[in-house]
Amino acid sequence: MSLPELLIVVPTRGRPQNIRRMLAAWTATGAQGVAELLIAWDADDPAADQYADIAAGAGLRRHVNRSQTPMVPTLEAALAPLVDQYPFLGCFGDDHLPRSAGWAAQLVDGLRHLGTGIVYGNDLHRGPDLPTAWAMTADIVRLLGRMVPAPVEHLYSDRSVLDLGRAARCIRYLPDTVIEHLHYAAHKAVKDAGYQRVNAAARYRADRVAYLRWRDRHMQRDVATIRRHRSRS
């Protein structure tokens, strides 16, 4: 049996109920056979056993960190052994929820049309302004050695994906593909310990510095790498 073409990685901590909600949406929106879900959690998460039960019960791919690990390093570690197995790779937060029937096929069709590129849907919060959940062709990850261009831990990850895609002219917004972001800033979730941790002032400052350094010093190098590759494809 062949693998689905699209792998979606969801780093998560302390929110197993969100993964159950996402699994229900996977079924309701017809994503099976098109997109595969990988959940990544920390071994020291109090909900670790629940995540393991969910993954086992649904036959999901998994990645488990030895201890608490920020979102972006978790994402990259989960992708590393699988980057050659799927033509298309994506990242959702555990507070995203696919809403549109056929969303997975829509992401795949968009990526196939681009050849090399990035697509993102409508999160009903930031819309075209920010790809809070995105998918990209696996060749970009192989070219750059990572999915998130800027070396951040959490914040500005989506901003750097948008910057890269726009500068390389290889990103497309899909307004009718709804992948809702149930974020506390959209008044759709409680500001729990996870939100407080990743939005702390120190984390914001550190990720902003890392993002700006990448944008000002290294983004054009990454853009040139992608443009060369596209011109040869």
C-alpha atoms as a PDB file:
ATOM      1  CA  MET A   1       0.000   0.000   0.000  1.00  0.00           C
ATOM      2  CA  SER A   2       1.439   3.368  -0.998  1.00  0.00           C
ATOM      3  CA  LEU A   3       1.935   6.183   1.491  1.00  0.00           C
ATOM      4  CA  PRO A   4      -0.175   9.339   1.351  1.00  0.00           C
ATOM      5  CA  GLU A   5       1.636  12.124  -0.499  1.00  0.00           C
ATOM      6  CA  LEU A   6       1.383  14.717   2.282  1.00  0.00           C
ATOM      7  CA  LEU A   7       2.776  14.344   5.791  1.00  0.00           C
ATOM      8  CA  ILE A   8       1.516  16.828   8.396  1.00  0.00           C
ATOM      9  CA  VAL A   9       3.604  17.130  11.567  1.00  0.00           C
ATOM     10  CA  VAL A  10       1.886  18.429  14.704  1.00  0.00           C
ATOM     11  CA  PRO A  11       4.163  19.231  17.650  1.00  0.00           C
ATOM     12  CA  THR A  12       2.052  19.152  20.800  1.00  0.00           C
ATOM     13  CA  ARG A  13       2.289  19.372  24.560  1.00  0.00           C
ATOM     14  CA  GLY A  14      -0.396  19.111  27.205  1.00  0.00           C
ATOM     15  CA  ARG A  15      -3.299  19.085  24.741  1.00  0.00           C
ATOM     16  CA  PRO A  16      -4.260  15.508  23.859  1.00  0.00           C
ATOM     17  CA  GLN A  17      -7.881  16.635  23.521  1.00  0.00           C
ATOM     18  CA  ASN A  18      -6.806  18.810  20.575  1.00  0.00           C
ATOM     19  CA  ILE A  19      -5.276  15.822  18.817  1.00  0.00           C
ATOM     20  CA  ARG A  20      -8.501  13.868  19.268  1.00  0.00           C
ATOM     21  CA  ARG A  21     -10.359  16.826  17.779  1.00  0.00           C
ATOM     22  CA  MET A  22      -7.943  16.925  14.843  1.00  0.00           C
ATOM     23  CA  LEU A  23      -8.335  13.208  14.204  1.00  0.00           C
ATOM     24  CA  ALA A  24     -12.108  13.610  14.058  1.00  0.00           C
ATOM     25  CA  ALA A  25     -11.662  16.419  11.522  1.00  0.00           C
ATOM     26  CA  TRP A  26      -9.319  14.211   9.454  1.00  0.00           C
ATOM     27  CA  THR A  27     -12.172  11.762   9.006  1.00  0.00           C
ATOM     28  CA  ALA A  28     -14.900  14.363   8.521  1.00  0.00           C
ATOM     29  CA  THR A  29     -12.985  16.235   5.805  1.00  0.00           C
ATOM     30  CA  GLY A  30     -11.855  13.198   3.815  1.00  0.00           C
ATOM     31  CA  ALA A  31      -8.117  13.582   4.417  1.00  0.00           C
ATOM     32  CA  GLN A  32      -7.399   9.853   4.762  1.00  0.00           C
ATOM     33  CA  GLY A  33      -5.264   8.473   1.994  1.00  0.00           C
ATOM     34  CA  VAL A  34      -4.107  11.959   0.997  1.00  0.00           C
ATOM     35  CA  ALA A  35      -2.492  13.276   4.182  1.00  0.00           C
ATOM     36  CA  GLU A  36      -0.859  11.392   7.021  1.00  0.00           C
ATOM     37  CA  LEU A  37      -0.633  12.783  10.545  1.00  0.00           C
ATOM     38  CA  LEU A  38       2.476  12.605  12.706  1.00  0.00           C
ATOM     39  CA  ILE A  39       2.211  13.789  16.299  1.00  0.00           C
ATOM     40  CA  ALA A  40       5.313  14.766  18.246  1.00  0.00           C
ATOM     41  CA  TRP A  41       5.359  15.090  22.015  1.00  0.00           C
ATOM     42  CA  ASP A  42       7.761  15.126  24.959  1.00  0.00           C
ATOM     43  CA  ALA A  43       8.456  12.083  27.117  1.00  0.00           C
ATOM     44  CA  ASP A  44       8.134  14.247  30.238  1.00  0.00           C
ATOM     45  CA  ASP A  45       4.718  15.596  29.240  1.00  0.00           C
ATOM     46  CA  PRO A  46       2.123  14.643  31.891  1.00  0.00           C
ATOM     47  CA  ALA A  47      -0.123  13.703  28.953  1.00  0.00           C
ATOM     48  CA  ALA A  48       2.527  11.476  27.315  1.00  0.00           C
ATOM     49  CA  ASP A  49       0.596   8.255  27.980  1.00  0.00           C
ATOM     50  CA  GLN A  50      -2.539   9.743  26.444  1.00  0.00           C
ATOM     51  CA  TYR A  51      -0.609  10.730  23.326  1.00  0.00           C
ATOM     52  CA  ALA A  52       0.844   7.234  23.070  1.00  0.00           C
ATOM     53  CA  ASP A  53      -2.639   5.709  23.342  1.00  0.00           C
ATOM     54  CA  ILE A  54      -4.000   8.076  20.674  1.00  0.00           C
ATOM     55  CA  ALA A  55      -1.131   7.306  18.297  1.00  0.00           C
ATOM     56  CA  ALA A  56      -1.450   3.562  18.821  1.00  0.00           C
ATOM     57  CA  GLY A  57      -5.220   3.557  18.462  1.00  0.00           C
ATOM     58  CA  ALA A  58      -5.182   5.566  15.238  1.00  0.00           C
ATOM     59  CA  GLY A  59      -2.016   4.045  13.784  1.00  0.00           C
ATOM     60  CA  LEU A  60      -0.266   7.417  13.657  1.00  0.00           C
ATOM     61  CA  ARG A  61       3.372   8.137  13.068  1.00  0.00           C
ATOM     62  CA  ARG A  62       5.022   9.568  16.148  1.00  0.00           C
ATOM     63  CA  HIS A  63       8.115  11.371  17.353  1.00  0.00           C
ATOM     64  CA  VAL A  64       8.927  11.541  21.063  1.00  0.00           C
ATOM     65  CA  ASN A  65      11.483  13.960  22.526  1.00  0.00           C
ATOM     66  CA  ARG A  66      13.446  12.824  25.559  1.00  0.00           C
ATOM     67  CA  SER A  67      12.469  15.992  27.422  1.00  0.00           C
ATOM     68  CA  GLN A  68      10.594  19.231  26.824  1.00  0.00           C
ATOM     69  CA  THR A  69      11.629  20.640  23.437  1.00  0.00           C
ATOM     70  CA  PRO A  70      10.435  23.778  21.625  1.00  0.00           C
ATOM     71  CA  MET A  71       8.170  23.502  18.609  1.00  0.00           C
ATOM     72  CA  VAL A  72      10.607  24.144  15.763  1.00  0.00           C
ATOM     73  CA  PRO A  73      13.368  21.780  16.937  1.00  0.00           C
ATOM     74  CA  THR A  74      10.655  19.164  17.478  1.00  0.00           C
ATOM     75  CA  LEU A  75       9.322  19.698  13.971  1.00  0.00           C
ATOM     76  CA  GLU A  76      12.740  19.442  12.350  1.00  0.00           C
ATOM     77  CA  ALA A  77      13.710  16.332  14.322  1.00  0.00           C
ATOM     78  CA  ALA A  78      10.444  14.618  13.420  1.00  0.00           C
ATOM     79  CA  LEU A  79      10.876  15.405   9.726  1.00  0.00           C
ATOM     80  CA  ALA A  80      14.551  14.489   9.388  1.00  0.00           C
ATOM     81  CA  PRO A  81      14.151  10.703   8.885  1.00  0.00           C
ATOM     82  CA  LEU A  82      11.085  11.104   6.650  1.00  0.00           C
ATOM     83  CA  VAL A  83      11.988  13.903   4.272  1.00  0.00           C
ATOM     84  CA  ASP A  84      12.689  11.491   1.415  1.00  0.00           C
ATOM     85  CA  GLN A  85       9.523   9.454   1.934  1.00  0.00           C
ATOM     86  CA  TYR A  86       6.911  12.090   1.112  1.00  0.00           C
ATOM     87  CA  PRO A  87       6.811  14.607  -1.765  1.00  0.00           C
ATOM     88  CA  PHE A  88       4.923  17.125   0.379  1.00  0.00           C
ATOM     89  CA  LEU A  89       5.414  18.102   4.025  1.00  0.00           C
ATOM     90  CA  GLY A  90       3.366  20.320   6.320  1.00  0.00           C
ATOM     91  CA  CYS A  91       3.213  21.767   9.800  1.00  0.00           C
ATOM     92  CA  PHE A  92       0.080  22.437  11.866  1.00  0.00           C
ATOM     93  CA  GLY A  93      -0.132  23.586  15.453  1.00  0.00           C
ATOM     94  CA  ASP A  94      -2.124  21.445  17.833  1.00  0.00           C
ATOM     95  CA  ASP A  95      -4.598  24.354  17.920  1.00  0.00           C
ATOM     96  CA  HIS A  96      -5.356  24.132  14.192  1.00  0.00           C
ATOM     97  CA  LEU A  97      -8.433  22.369  12.875  1.00  0.00           C
ATOM     98  CA  PRO A  98      -9.058  21.501   9.203  1.00  0.00           C
ATOM     99  CA  ARG A  99     -12.571  22.577   8.228  1.00  0.00           C
ATOM    100  CA  SER A 100     -12.846  22.370   4.439  1.00  0.00           C
ATOM    101  CA  ALA A 101     -13.854  19.090   2.825  1.00  0.00           C
ATOM    102  CA  GLY A 102     -10.948  18.062   0.610  1.00  0.00           C
ATOM    103  CA  TRP A 103      -8.438  20.413   2.235  1.00  0.00           C
ATOM    104  CA  ALA A 104      -5.611  17.875   1.990  1.00  0.00           C
ATOM    105  CA  ALA A 105      -6.149  17.330  -1.732  1.00  0.00           C
ATOM    106  CA  GLN A 106      -6.299  21.098  -2.202  1.00  0.00           C
ATOM    107  CA  LEU A 107      -2.908  21.547  -0.537  1.00  0.00           C
ATOM    108  CA  VAL A 108      -1.438  18.750  -2.643  1.00  0.00           C
ATOM    109  CA  ASP A 109      -2.889  20.148  -5.865  1.00  0.00           C
ATOM    110  CA  GLY A 110      -1.488  23.581  -5.049  1.00  0.00           C
ATOM    111  CA  LEU A 111       1.980  22.201  -4.402  1.00  0.00           C
ATOM    112  CA  ARG A 112       1.914  20.045  -7.494  1.00  0.00           C
ATOM    113  CA  HIS A 113       1.011  23.115  -9.562  1.00  0.00           C
ATOM    114  CA  LEU A 114       3.922  25.084  -8.089  1.00  0.00           C
ATOM    115  CA  GLY A 115       6.425  22.281  -8.644  1.00  0.00           C
ATOM    116  CA  THR A 116       8.618  23.656  -5.882  1.00  0.00           C
ATOM    117  CA  GLY A 117       6.860  25.853  -3.382  1.00  0.00           C
ATOM    118  CA  ILE A 118       4.713  26.545  -0.350  1.00  0.00           C
ATOM    119  CA  VAL A 119       0.947  26.737   0.132  1.00  0.00           C
ATOM    120  CA  TYR A 120      -1.214  27.798   3.045  1.00  0.00           C
ATOM    121  CA  GLY A 121      -4.900  28.017   3.705  1.00  0.00           C
ATOM    122  CA  ASN A 122      -7.261  30.390   5.453  1.00  0.00           C
ATOM    123  CA  ASP A 123      -6.912  30.135   9.233  1.00  0.00           C
ATOM    124  CA  LEU A 124      -9.910  32.460   9.835  1.00  0.00           C
ATOM    125  CA  HIS A 125      -7.655  34.689  11.926  1.00  0.00           C
ATOM    126  CA  ARG A 126      -4.641  36.001  10.004  1.00  0.00           C
ATOM    127  CA  GLY A 127      -5.829  34.892   6.575  1.00  0.00           C
ATOM    128  CA  PRO A 128      -3.389  35.779   3.768  1.00  0.00           C
ATOM    129  CA  ASP A 129      -1.181  37.792   6.142  1.00  0.00           C
ATOM    130  CA  LEU A 130       0.455  34.795   7.802  1.00  0.00           C
ATOM    131  CA  PRO A 131       0.773  31.054   7.106  1.00  0.00           C
ATOM    132  CA  THR A 132       0.104  29.802  10.624  1.00  0.00           C
ATOM    133  CA  ALA A 133      -0.281  26.325   9.099  1.00  0.00           C
ATOM    134  CA  TRP A 134       1.501  25.520   5.854  1.00  0.00           C
ATOM    135  CA  ALA A 135       2.713  22.795   3.514  1.00  0.00           C
ATOM    136  CA  MET A 136       5.724  22.769   1.213  1.00  0.00           C
ATOM    137  CA  THR A 137       7.382  20.541  -1.320  1.00  0.00           C
ATOM    138  CA  ALA A 138       9.945  18.271   0.286  1.00  0.00           C
ATOM    139  CA  ASP A 139      12.706  19.492  -2.004  1.00  0.00           C
ATOM    140  CA  ILE A 140      12.732  22.818  -0.126  1.00  0.00           C
ATOM    141  CA  VAL A 141      13.411  21.006   3.136  1.00  0.00           C
ATOM    142  CA  ARG A 142      16.190  19.016   1.497  1.00  0.00           C
ATOM    143  CA  LEU A 143      17.711  22.121  -0.107  1.00  0.00           C
ATOM    144  CA  LEU A 144      17.762  24.177   3.090  1.00  0.00           C
ATOM    145  CA  GLY A 145      18.247  21.309   5.514  1.00  0.00           C
ATOM    146  CA  ARG A 146      15.188  22.441   7.486  1.00  0.00           C
ATOM    147  CA  MET A 147      11.521  23.343   7.097  1.00  0.00           C
ATOM    148  CA  VAL A 148      11.533  26.611   9.057  1.00  0.00           C
ATOM    149  CA  PRO A 149      14.030  28.953   7.378  1.00  0.00           C
ATOM    150  CA  ALA A 150      14.874  31.100  10.416  1.00  0.00           C
ATOM    151  CA  PRO A 151      16.624  29.405  13.375  1.00  0.00           C
ATOM    152  CA  VAL A 152      13.854  30.249  15.827  1.00  0.00           C
ATOM    153  CA  GLU A 153      12.350  28.030  18.502  1.00  0.00           C
ATOM    154  CA  HIS A 154       8.694  28.924  17.984  1.00  0.00           C
ATOM    155  CA  LEU A 155       7.713  32.517  17.252  1.00  0.00           C
ATOM    156  CA  TYR A 156       8.349  33.983  13.774  1.00  0.00           C
ATOM    157  CA  SER A 157       8.508  30.510  12.230  1.00  0.00           C
ATOM    158  CA  ASP A 158       5.490  31.267  10.047  1.00  0.00           C
ATOM    159  CA  ARG A 159       6.771  34.767   9.265  1.00  0.00           C
ATOM    160  CA  SER A 160      10.044  33.376   7.956  1.00  0.00           C
ATOM    161  CA  VAL A 161       8.185  30.836   5.787  1.00  0.00           C
ATOM    162  CA  LEU A 162       6.136  33.689   4.309  1.00  0.00           C
ATOM    163  CA  ASP A 163       9.212  35.853   3.724  1.00  0.00           C
ATOM    164  CA  LEU A 164      11.041  33.033   1.991  1.00  0.00           C
ATOM    165  CA  GLY A 165       8.105  32.093  -0.199  1.00  0.00           C
ATOM    166  CA  ARG A 166       7.387  35.654  -1.277  1.00  0.00           C
ATOM    167  CA  ALA A 167      11.015  36.484  -2.019  1.00  0.00           C
ATOM    168  CA  ALA A 168      11.447  33.264  -4.011  1.00  0.00           C
ATOM    169  CA  ARG A 169       8.040  33.768  -5.674  1.00  0.00           C
ATOM    170  CA  CYS A 170       6.940  30.273  -4.804  1.00  0.00           C
ATOM    171  CA  ILE A 171       4.134  30.679  -2.263  1.00  0.00           C
ATOM    172  CA  ARG A 172       0.387  30.523  -2.809  1.00  0.00           C
ATOM    173  CA  TYR A 173      -2.520  31.358  -0.502  1.00  0.00           C
ATOM    174  CA  LEU A 174      -5.612  29.170  -0.784  1.00  0.00           C
ATOM    175  CA  PRO A 175      -8.491  31.269   0.591  1.00  0.00           C
ATOM    176  CA  ASP A 176     -11.104  28.553   0.253  1.00  0.00           C
ATOM    177  CA  THR A 177      -9.017  25.970   2.098  1.00  0.00           C
ATOM    178  CA  VAL A 178      -9.980  26.569   5.707  1.00  0.00           C
ATOM    179  CA  ILE A 179      -7.630  25.333   8.412  1.00  0.00           C
ATOM    180  CA  GLU A 180      -8.917  27.206  11.415  1.00  0.00           C
ATOM    181  CA  HIS A 181      -6.494  28.490  14.036  1.00  0.00           C
ATOM    182  CA  LEU A 182      -8.218  28.100  17.373  1.00  0.00           C
ATOM    183  CA  HIS A 183      -5.754  30.403  19.126  1.00  0.00           C
ATOM    184  CA  TYR A 184      -6.327  32.391  22.279  1.00  0.00           C
ATOM    185  CA  ALA A 185      -5.505  35.601  20.371  1.00  0.00           C
ATOM    186  CA  ALA A 186      -8.516  34.820  18.177  1.00  0.00           C
ATOM    187  CA  HIS A 187     -10.599  34.328  21.347  1.00  0.00           C
ATOM    188  CA  LYS A 188     -11.008  30.650  20.508  1.00  0.00           C
ATOM    189  CA  ALA A 189      -8.995  29.111  23.342  1.00  0.00           C
ATOM    190  CA  VAL A 190      -7.930  29.757  26.914  1.00  0.00           C
ATOM    191  CA  LYS A 191      -4.441  31.160  27.385  1.00  0.00           C
ATOM    192  CA  ASP A 192      -3.098  28.008  28.979  1.00  0.00           C
ATOM    193  CA  ALA A 193       0.410  27.178  30.214  1.00  0.00           C
ATOM    194  CA  GLY A 194       1.558  26.299  26.696  1.00  0.00           C
ATOM    195  CA  TYR A 195       0.578  29.679  25.282  1.00  0.00           C
ATOM    196  CA  GLN A 196       2.100  31.455  28.264  1.00  0.00           C
ATOM    197  CA  ARG A 197       5.373  29.595  27.812  1.00  0.00           C
ATOM    198  CA  VAL A 198       5.875  30.230  24.097  1.00  0.00           C
ATOM    199  CA  ASN A 199       4.680  33.838  24.276  1.00  0.00           C
ATOM    200  CA  ALA A 200       6.808  34.821  27.268  1.00  0.00           C
ATOM    201  CA  ALA A 201       8.760  38.050  26.854  1.00  0.00           C
ATOM    202  CA  ALA A 202      12.150  36.297  26.891  1.00  0.00           C
ATOM    203  CA  ARG A 203      11.054  33.811  24.204  1.00  0.00           C
ATOM    204  CA  TYR A 204       9.664  36.630  22.090  1.00  0.00           C
ATOM    205  CA  ARG A 205      12.905  38.606  22.282  1.00  0.00           C
ATOM    206  CA  ALA A 206      15.121  35.621  21.494  1.00  0.00           C
ATOM    207  CA  ASP A 207      13.048  34.463  18.529  1.00  0.00           C
ATOM    208  CA  ARG A 208      12.758  37.996  17.169  1.00  0.00           C
ATOM    209  CA  VAL A 209      16.541  38.422  17.246  1.00  0.00           C
ATOM    210  CA  ALA A 210      17.033  35.049  15.514  1.00  0.00           C
ATOM    211  CA  TYR A 211      14.419  35.873  12.887  1.00  0.00           C
ATOM    212  CA  LEU A 212      15.805  39.337  12.103  1.00  0.00           C
ATOM    213  CA  ARG A 213      19.349  37.986  11.863  1.00  0.00           C
ATOM    214  CA  TRP A 214      18.192  35.375   9.359  1.00  0.00           C
ATOM    215  CA  ARG A 215      16.118  37.873   7.406  1.00  0.00           C
ATOM    216  CA  ASP A 216      18.882  40.464   7.169  1.00  0.00           C
ATOM    217  CA  ARG A 217      21.900  38.176   6.738  1.00  0.00           C
ATOM    218  CA  HIS A 218      20.837  34.824   5.336  1.00  0.00           C
ATOM    219  CA  MET A 219      17.418  35.005   3.672  1.00  0.00           C
ATOM    220  CA  GLN A 220      18.746  36.005   0.264  1.00  0.00           C
ATOM    221  CA  ARG A 221      21.083  33.005   0.298  1.00  0.00           C
ATOM    222  CA  ASP A 222      18.132  30.689   0.915  1.00  0.00           C
ATOM    223  CA  VAL A 223      16.060  32.469  -1.722  1.00  0.00           C
ATOM    224  CA  ALA A 224      18.855  32.103  -4.279  1.00  0.00           C
ATOM    225  CA  THR A 225      19.125  28.393  -3.494  1.00  0.00           C
ATOM    226  CA  ILE A 226      15.441  27.852  -4.195  1.00  0.00           C
ATOM    227  CA  ARG A 227      15.428  30.009  -7.325  1.00  0.00           C
ATOM    228  CA  ARG A 228      18.379  28.085  -8.800  1.00  0.00           C
ATOM    229  CA  HIS A 229      16.626  24.826  -8.105  1.00  0.00           C
ATOM    230  CA  ARG A 230      13.375  25.989  -9.684  1.00  0.00           C
ATOM    231  CA  SER A 231      15.159  27.235 -12.781  1.00  0.00           C
ATOM    232  CA  ARG A 232      16.664  23.781 -13.303  1.00  0.00           C
ATOM    233  CA  SER A 233      13.459  21.842 -12.659  1.00  0.00           C
END
